[in-house]
Amino acid sequence: MRLILTLLLCISMSCAAQTFEAASLRLLPEGAKPDYTQLDVLDATHPGIWKAPSLLTIDLNLFEMIVTSYSVSNSGMHDALMSQLPLWGMKQEYHLTARIPEGTTLADLRLMLQALLKERFALAAHWDNRTMPVLLLQQAGTSTNLAPFRGTCQQQPANCISDFRWKDGMVHMAFTGQTMPQIADTLSGLGHYMGGQKRGPIVDDTNLPGQWNATIDFSPLMGTNETQGDTFATALKKQMGLILKPSERPVPSLIIDHVDHATAD
C-alpha cells in the first residue's frame, strides 16, 4: 500500500530524481581563486519553482552548501548554523561540478544537494523549533509605506523578487511582489550583516497578508560612509513604516546531527 501511495504521489507531483546525473566534489587547492560565477543560482531565497541550469560549476564551502540545500533563507539564522559546524566547514572551499537532469527546478536541485551532502559529508540534519532572541518586524503605526502588489508573479525575475544594489556607499533594496515573511527574511540578512542588528533573526509580526512592493535605502555600518544616510533601523521606520521589537520566539531551526570531512570522488 505504501508503494502504491508513493507512486501515485510521484505521478501527481511529477517526481524528479533526487540525485545529479553526475557530480564531482573536490577540495580546492590552497591559494586557488574561487569561482563564484554561478553563485546566484544557489541563492536560498529564490523560489523553488524556478528552473535550474543543466550544468553547475562553482566553488563554495560546506556552510554555503547547507544553506542552499536546506533553504536557510533567513540570514539571521546563519550564526546559529555556523556555531554547529567545525571551523573547516566555513574555511575549506570545494569545487563542485554537477550535471543536472533536464526540467529540474531549484527545489529539485536543493534535494540533490542534500543527497550529495549525505553521501560525501555523512551529513545528518533535521528541523526543529528552538526558542531564541528575535527581532519582531511590526507596523510602526496604523499604516505603512508599503504598496500592494497588483501584478502576476513570473518564474523569471521580472516580478516577485528582491533587488539589491550598492551605490555611492549606500545599500538600495527594492521588493516587488514579496510577502511579508519573504521581506522579513531579506531584511534579516541586511540588518545582521550591514545594519548592526545582532540580536537574532528578524521575524514577521506585521499580520499583513498578500504581496507588497517597497524600497529601503540605508547607510551600512561599515566603511567610511556611516553617516551618509539613514541607519538601517531609521530607514526601516521612515521609509517602510516598520519597526523592530526585541522578543523571544520559537523559530524553525536547522539542527546538525553529524558531519564528517568529505570523501574523495
Protein backbone atom coordinates (compact mmCIF):
# COMPACT_ATOMS: atom_id res chain seq x y z
CA MET A 1 0.00 0.00 0.00
CA ARG A 2 2.82 2.44 0.87
CA LEU A 3 4.49 1.76 -2.50
CA ILE A 4 1.22 2.41 -4.35
CA LEU A 5 0.69 5.69 -2.47
CA THR A 6 4.26 6.75 -3.24
CA LEU A 7 3.82 6.01 -6.94
CA LEU A 8 0.53 7.92 -7.05
CA LEU A 9 2.15 10.86 -5.27
CA CYS A 10 5.04 10.89 -7.73
CA ILE A 11 2.64 10.84 -10.67
CA SER A 12 0.63 13.74 -9.26
CA MET A 13 3.70 15.80 -8.36
CA SER A 14 5.93 14.84 -11.33
CA CYS A 15 8.64 13.46 -9.07
CA ALA A 16 12.18 14.08 -10.29
CA ALA A 17 15.28 12.13 -9.44
CA GLN A 18 16.89 13.46 -6.27
CA THR A 19 20.44 12.88 -7.45
CA PHE A 20 22.62 14.56 -10.05
CA GLU A 21 23.25 12.80 -13.36
CA ALA A 22 26.93 13.16 -12.48
CA ALA A 23 28.76 15.13 -9.82
CA SER A 24 32.34 15.85 -8.79
CA LEU A 25 33.27 17.49 -5.48
CA ARG A 26 36.94 18.20 -4.86
CA LEU A 27 38.79 20.26 -2.29
CA LEU A 28 40.01 23.49 -3.86
CA PRO A 29 43.83 23.71 -3.83
CA GLU A 30 45.20 26.11 -1.24
CA GLY A 31 45.73 29.56 -2.75
CA ALA A 32 43.41 28.92 -5.70
CA LYS A 33 40.98 31.72 -6.55
CA PRO A 34 37.36 30.57 -6.01
CA ASP A 35 34.91 30.81 -8.92
CA TYR A 36 31.59 32.35 -7.83
CA THR A 37 30.14 32.85 -11.33
CA GLN A 38 27.02 30.76 -10.65
CA LEU A 39 26.62 31.78 -7.01
CA ASP A 40 23.25 33.44 -7.69
CA VAL A 41 21.80 30.07 -8.74
CA LEU A 42 22.28 28.84 -5.17
CA ASP A 43 20.55 31.80 -3.50
CA ALA A 44 18.31 30.20 -0.87
CA THR A 45 15.71 32.96 -1.30
CA HIS A 46 14.96 32.10 -4.94
CA PRO A 47 11.57 30.39 -5.50
CA GLY A 48 11.79 26.62 -5.78
CA ILE A 49 9.74 26.63 -8.99
CA TRP A 50 12.48 28.44 -10.93
CA LYS A 51 14.32 26.30 -13.46
CA ALA A 52 17.79 25.04 -12.56
CA PRO A 53 20.70 25.16 -15.04
CA SER A 54 21.76 21.99 -16.85
CA LEU A 55 25.33 22.33 -15.56
CA LEU A 56 26.50 23.70 -12.22
CA THR A 57 30.15 24.53 -11.66
CA ILE A 58 31.04 26.60 -8.61
CA ASP A 59 33.38 26.89 -5.63
CA LEU A 60 31.82 27.02 -2.16
CA ASN A 61 32.25 25.75 1.39
CA LEU A 62 30.20 23.28 3.41
CA PHE A 63 28.26 26.01 5.21
CA GLU A 64 27.17 27.54 1.89
CA MET A 65 26.12 24.13 0.57
CA ILE A 66 23.97 23.54 3.66
CA VAL A 67 22.36 26.99 3.46
CA THR A 68 21.44 26.35 -0.17
CA SER A 69 20.29 22.75 0.08
CA TYR A 70 18.11 23.32 3.16
CA SER A 71 16.92 26.80 2.07
CA VAL A 72 18.09 28.61 5.21
CA SER A 73 16.92 31.87 3.65
CA ASN A 74 16.82 33.94 6.85
CA SER A 75 20.41 35.15 7.20
CA GLY A 76 19.79 35.96 10.85
CA MET A 77 19.87 32.19 11.42
CA HIS A 78 23.32 31.75 9.89
CA ASP A 79 25.31 32.37 13.09
CA ALA A 80 23.36 29.63 14.87
CA LEU A 81 24.06 27.28 11.98
CA MET A 82 27.78 28.09 11.82
CA SER A 83 28.13 27.51 15.56
CA GLN A 84 27.19 23.85 14.98
CA LEU A 85 29.82 23.26 12.29
CA PRO A 86 33.55 22.59 12.61
CA LEU A 87 35.78 25.50 11.60
CA TRP A 88 36.79 23.82 8.35
CA GLY A 89 33.13 23.89 7.33
CA MET A 90 33.49 27.63 6.73
CA LYS A 91 37.18 27.71 5.74
CA GLN A 92 37.65 24.89 3.22
CA GLU A 93 36.43 25.62 -0.31
CA TYR A 94 35.29 22.84 -2.64
CA HIS A 95 34.91 22.81 -6.41
CA LEU A 96 31.53 21.36 -7.34
CA THR A 97 30.67 20.31 -10.87
CA ALA A 98 27.26 18.72 -11.38
CA ARG A 99 25.26 17.71 -14.44
CA ILE A 100 21.57 18.31 -13.80
CA PRO A 101 18.66 16.49 -15.50
CA GLU A 102 16.50 18.47 -17.94
CA GLY A 103 13.44 20.06 -16.34
CA THR A 104 14.95 20.24 -12.86
CA THR A 105 13.66 23.04 -10.64
CA LEU A 106 15.62 24.80 -7.89
CA ALA A 107 13.58 22.80 -5.36
CA ASP A 108 14.79 19.59 -7.04
CA LEU A 109 18.35 20.92 -7.13
CA ARG A 110 18.28 21.54 -3.39
CA LEU A 111 17.19 17.95 -2.75
CA MET A 112 20.04 16.76 -4.98
CA LEU A 113 22.49 18.82 -2.94
CA GLN A 114 21.08 17.31 0.26
CA ALA A 115 21.69 13.83 -1.15
CA LEU A 116 25.24 14.81 -2.11
CA LEU A 117 25.93 16.18 1.38
CA LYS A 118 24.64 12.99 2.94
CA GLU A 119 26.78 10.85 0.64
CA ARG A 120 30.02 12.83 0.73
CA PHE A 121 29.99 14.51 4.17
CA ALA A 122 27.82 11.94 6.01
CA LEU A 123 25.65 14.94 6.88
CA ALA A 124 22.65 14.28 9.10
CA ALA A 125 20.35 17.19 9.93
CA HIS A 126 16.77 17.90 10.93
CA TRP A 127 14.46 20.86 11.53
CA ASP A 128 13.20 21.75 14.99
CA ASN A 129 11.57 24.76 16.65
CA ARG A 130 14.02 26.46 19.02
CA THR A 131 13.13 29.44 21.22
CA MET A 132 15.68 32.21 20.72
CA PRO A 133 16.10 36.00 20.79
CA VAL A 134 14.48 37.57 17.72
CA LEU A 135 13.55 40.96 16.31
CA LEU A 136 9.84 41.15 15.51
CA LEU A 137 9.03 43.11 12.37
CA GLN A 138 5.95 45.19 13.21
CA GLN A 139 3.98 48.14 11.85
CA ALA A 140 5.21 51.44 13.30
CA GLY A 141 1.69 52.90 13.27
CA THR A 142 -1.73 52.37 11.77
CA SER A 143 -0.36 52.41 8.22
CA THR A 144 2.86 51.58 6.39
CA ASN A 145 4.67 52.88 3.32
CA LEU A 146 4.25 49.54 1.58
CA ALA A 147 2.34 49.41 -1.71
CA PRO A 148 0.10 46.43 -2.53
CA PHE A 149 1.39 44.36 -5.46
CA ARG A 150 -1.14 44.21 -8.30
CA GLY A 151 0.78 42.14 -10.83
CA THR A 152 1.26 38.45 -11.51
CA CYS A 153 4.34 36.56 -10.37
CA GLN A 154 6.56 35.20 -13.11
CA GLN A 155 9.11 32.41 -12.80
CA GLN A 156 11.81 34.68 -14.17
CA PRO A 157 12.96 37.71 -12.12
CA ALA A 158 10.61 40.30 -13.60
CA ASN A 159 8.19 40.23 -10.66
CA CYS A 160 8.09 38.83 -7.15
CA ILE A 161 11.75 39.41 -6.39
CA SER A 162 14.05 41.46 -4.21
CA ASP A 163 16.74 43.56 -5.89
CA PHE A 164 19.92 44.51 -4.01
CA ARG A 165 22.19 47.32 -5.16
CA TRP A 166 25.23 49.01 -3.62
CA LYS A 167 25.86 52.53 -4.90
CA ASP A 168 27.65 55.60 -3.54
CA GLY A 169 28.29 53.88 -0.22
CA MET A 170 24.58 53.18 0.30
CA VAL A 171 22.54 49.98 0.27
CA HIS A 172 19.49 50.14 -2.00
CA MET A 173 16.91 47.37 -1.67
CA ALA A 174 13.71 47.03 -3.68
CA PHE A 175 10.98 44.45 -3.05
CA THR A 176 8.49 43.55 -5.77
CA GLY A 177 5.53 41.29 -5.08
CA GLN A 178 7.02 39.92 -1.85
CA THR A 179 5.09 38.50 1.08
CA MET A 180 5.91 39.94 4.49
CA PRO A 181 7.72 36.74 5.64
CA GLN A 182 9.88 36.99 2.49
CA ILE A 183 10.60 40.66 3.18
CA ALA A 184 11.46 39.82 6.80
CA ASP A 185 13.92 37.14 5.68
CA THR A 186 15.74 39.59 3.40
CA LEU A 187 15.71 42.38 5.98
CA SER A 188 17.15 39.90 8.47
CA GLY A 189 20.25 39.46 6.34
CA LEU A 190 20.63 43.17 5.66
CA GLY A 191 20.13 44.04 9.31
CA HIS A 192 22.51 41.37 10.56
CA TYR A 193 25.40 41.91 8.18
CA MET A 194 25.07 45.64 7.41
CA GLY A 195 22.69 47.20 9.92
CA GLY A 196 24.14 46.27 13.29
CA GLN A 197 21.11 44.16 14.27
CA LYS A 198 22.85 41.25 16.01
CA ARG A 199 20.17 40.14 18.47
CA GLY A 200 18.80 37.41 16.23
CA PRO A 201 16.73 36.81 13.11
CA ILE A 202 14.06 39.26 12.01
CA VAL A 203 10.67 37.54 12.10
CA ASP A 204 7.49 38.87 10.51
CA ASP A 205 4.90 40.06 13.03
CA THR A 206 3.06 42.60 10.87
CA ASN A 207 -0.05 40.46 10.29
CA LEU A 208 -0.14 41.85 6.74
CA PRO A 209 -1.36 39.26 4.21
CA GLY A 210 -0.75 39.36 0.47
CA GLN A 211 2.19 40.66 -1.55
CA TRP A 212 3.86 44.05 -1.37
CA ASN A 213 6.20 46.48 -3.10
CA ALA A 214 8.67 48.52 -1.05
CA THR A 215 12.11 50.12 -1.08
CA ILE A 216 14.68 50.88 1.58
CA ASP A 217 17.94 52.84 1.27
CA PHE A 218 20.35 53.00 4.19
CA SER A 219 23.95 53.59 5.15
CA PRO A 220 25.66 50.34 6.19
CA LEU A 221 27.59 50.23 9.45
CA MET A 222 30.91 49.68 7.69
CA GLY A 223 33.46 51.61 5.67
CA THR A 224 33.65 55.39 5.77
CA ASN A 225 30.08 56.31 4.86
CA GLU A 226 28.33 55.50 8.12
CA THR A 227 26.78 58.98 8.45
CA GLN A 228 25.90 59.46 4.79
CA GLY A 229 22.26 58.44 5.15
CA ASP A 230 19.74 56.81 7.44
CA THR A 231 20.81 53.87 9.55
CA PHE A 232 19.05 50.57 8.95
CA ALA A 233 16.58 50.96 11.83
CA THR A 234 15.83 54.61 10.98
CA ALA A 235 15.31 53.83 7.30
CA LEU A 236 13.04 50.93 8.19
CA LYS A 237 10.72 53.25 10.14
CA LYS A 238 10.88 56.33 7.89
CA GLN A 239 10.82 54.62 4.51
CA MET A 240 8.77 51.47 5.13
CA GLY A 241 6.75 52.35 8.22
CA LEU A 242 8.08 49.33 10.13
CA ILE A 243 9.92 48.86 13.42
CA LEU A 244 11.88 46.09 15.15
CA LYS A 245 10.84 44.89 18.61
CA PRO A 246 13.17 42.62 20.64
CA SER A 247 11.45 39.45 21.80
CA GLU A 248 11.81 35.67 22.02
CA ARG A 249 10.01 33.25 19.75
CA PRO A 250 10.17 29.59 18.70
CA VAL A 251 11.88 29.66 15.30
CA PRO A 252 12.30 26.78 12.81
CA SER A 253 16.00 25.93 13.12
CA LEU A 254 18.22 23.54 11.21
CA ILE A 255 19.95 21.18 13.66
CA ILE A 256 23.18 19.48 12.56
CA ASP A 257 23.33 15.96 14.00
CA HIS A 258 26.52 14.75 12.30
CA VAL A 259 29.08 15.80 9.68
CA ASP A 260 32.49 14.49 8.54
CA HIS A 261 35.20 15.60 6.13
CA ALA A 262 34.22 14.93 2.53
CA THR A 263 35.11 11.59 0.98
CA ALA A 264 37.08 11.62 -2.29
CA ASP A 265 35.48 11.37 -5.75
